[in-house]
Amino acid sequence: MFDIISPYFDEVVTATLGGFIGWFFTRKRQNVDIKTTEIENDSKLVGLYKDALDDLPARYEERYKHLEEMSKNIEALFEKKEQVLLQEIAYQKKQVALYKKMYDDKVKEFNKYKREHP
């Protein structure tokens, strides 16, 4: 069995040794390439965060203006509602005065009727 493998032994050793030497000398370059790729990816990520943070004040200002506008609209709505309720109160007071006058008139009329018809 060794006789079958022995003519190819030199080639196997040469290929293995060549592969090892190639790996040994290129591993540093691969590590540098990996580090460079990691640094580029980190740089891109930092760029994305920077863009997001640079855009943040504009978005914040836009949201703040929107909330301020909504607050003013709500305030105006409550003021109008207050006016309507005050008008309703004034109307109800007039109605109470009217019904009280009508009641007093009816009581007077009834008392007059009682005096005239004993």
Protein backbone atom coordinates (compact mmCIF):
# COMPACT_ATOMS: atom_id res chain seq x y z
CA MET A 1 0.00 0.00 0.00
CA PHE A 2 2.87 2.35 0.78
CA ASP A 3 4.22 1.63 -2.69
CA ILE A 4 1.10 3.20 -4.22
CA ILE A 5 1.34 6.37 -2.13
CA SER A 6 5.13 6.81 -2.19
CA PRO A 7 5.43 8.33 -5.72
CA TYR A 8 2.96 11.07 -4.71
CA PHE A 9 4.40 11.69 -1.23
CA ASP A 10 6.81 14.39 -2.44
CA GLU A 11 4.02 16.21 -4.23
CA VAL A 12 1.74 16.05 -1.15
CA VAL A 13 4.52 17.38 1.10
CA THR A 14 5.36 20.13 -1.41
CA ALA A 15 1.69 21.17 -1.72
CA THR A 16 1.22 21.13 2.06
CA LEU A 17 4.43 23.10 2.66
CA GLY A 18 3.50 25.59 -0.09
CA GLY A 19 0.00 26.02 1.36
CA PHE A 20 1.44 26.58 4.84
CA ILE A 21 3.99 29.12 3.62
CA GLY A 22 1.29 30.90 1.58
CA TRP A 23 -1.01 31.00 4.58
CA PHE A 24 1.79 32.13 6.91
CA PHE A 25 2.69 35.12 4.77
CA THR A 26 -0.84 36.13 3.77
CA ARG A 27 -2.45 35.85 7.22
CA LYS A 28 -1.10 39.24 8.27
CA ARG A 29 -2.51 40.80 5.12
CA GLN A 30 -5.88 39.10 5.70
CA ASN A 31 -5.91 40.37 9.29
CA VAL A 32 -5.13 43.88 8.04
CA ASP A 33 -7.89 43.60 5.42
CA ILE A 34 -10.33 42.42 8.09
CA LYS A 35 -9.35 45.29 10.39
CA THR A 36 -9.67 47.76 7.50
CA THR A 37 -13.12 46.42 6.67
CA GLU A 38 -14.17 46.67 10.33
CA ILE A 39 -12.88 50.24 10.53
CA GLU A 40 -14.74 51.18 7.32
CA ASN A 41 -17.94 49.63 8.65
CA ASP A 42 -17.53 51.45 11.97
CA SER A 43 -16.86 54.68 10.08
CA LYS A 44 -20.04 54.20 8.05
CA LEU A 45 -21.99 53.50 11.24
CA VAL A 46 -20.60 56.64 12.87
CA GLY A 47 -21.57 58.56 9.74
CA LEU A 48 -25.14 57.25 9.98
CA TYR A 49 -25.36 58.25 13.65
CA LYS A 50 -23.88 61.67 12.85
CA ASP A 51 -26.42 62.23 10.07
CA ALA A 52 -29.23 61.19 12.41
CA LEU A 53 -27.99 63.54 15.13
CA ASP A 54 -27.47 66.41 12.67
CA ASP A 55 -31.06 65.95 11.49
CA LEU A 56 -32.40 65.71 15.04
CA PRO A 57 -32.65 69.47 15.83
CA ALA A 58 -34.62 70.13 12.64
CA ARG A 59 -37.03 67.27 13.38
CA TYR A 60 -37.32 68.38 17.01
CA GLU A 61 -38.08 71.96 15.97
CA GLU A 62 -40.70 70.74 13.50
CA ARG A 63 -42.39 68.59 16.15
CA TYR A 64 -42.23 71.42 18.69
CA LYS A 65 -43.88 73.85 16.27
CA HIS A 66 -46.55 71.27 15.49
CA LEU A 67 -47.28 70.73 19.19
CA GLU A 68 -47.29 74.48 19.81
CA GLU A 69 -49.78 74.97 16.99
CA MET A 70 -51.99 72.19 18.32
CA SER A 71 -51.82 73.76 21.78
CA LYS A 72 -52.95 77.12 20.37
CA ASN A 73 -55.79 75.42 18.49
CA ILE A 74 -56.92 73.64 21.64
CA GLU A 75 -56.69 76.86 23.63
CA ALA A 76 -58.83 78.68 21.03
CA LEU A 77 -61.31 75.81 21.07
CA PHE A 78 -61.64 75.98 24.85
CA GLU A 79 -62.07 79.77 24.70
CA LYS A 80 -64.89 79.38 22.17
CA LYS A 81 -66.46 76.68 24.29
CA GLU A 82 -66.25 78.95 27.33
CA GLN A 83 -67.98 81.75 25.40
CA VAL A 84 -70.75 79.40 24.28
CA LEU A 85 -71.25 78.16 27.84
CA LEU A 86 -71.33 81.72 29.20
CA GLN A 87 -73.94 82.61 26.57
CA GLU A 88 -75.93 79.52 27.56
CA ILE A 89 -75.75 80.55 31.23
CA ALA A 90 -76.95 84.07 30.37
CA TYR A 91 -79.81 82.60 28.31
CA GLN A 92 -80.80 80.26 31.15
CA LYS A 93 -80.74 83.15 33.65
CA LYS A 94 -83.08 85.12 31.38
CA GLN A 95 -85.33 82.08 31.11
CA VAL A 96 -85.36 81.71 34.91
CA ALA A 97 -86.26 85.39 35.30
CA LEU A 98 -89.01 85.04 32.68
CA TYR A 99 -90.51 81.94 34.31
CA LYS A 100 -90.26 83.54 37.75
CA LYS A 101 -92.14 86.59 36.46
CA MET A 102 -94.73 84.34 34.84
CA TYR A 103 -95.08 82.41 38.11
CA ASP A 104 -95.43 85.60 40.13
CA ASP A 105 -98.06 86.87 37.67
CA LYS A 106 -99.98 83.61 37.96
CA VAL A 107 -99.79 83.73 41.76
CA LYS A 108 -101.10 87.32 41.74
CA GLU A 109 -103.83 86.33 39.33
CA PHE A 110 -104.76 83.37 41.51
CA ASN A 111 -104.78 85.47 44.68
CA LYS A 112 -106.93 88.08 42.93
CA TYR A 113 -109.29 85.33 41.79
CA LYS A 114 -109.49 83.96 45.35
CA ARG A 115 -110.31 87.39 46.72
CA GLU A 116 -113.02 88.01 44.15
CA HIS A 117 -114.57 84.55 44.51
CA PRO A 118 -114.72 83.63 48.15
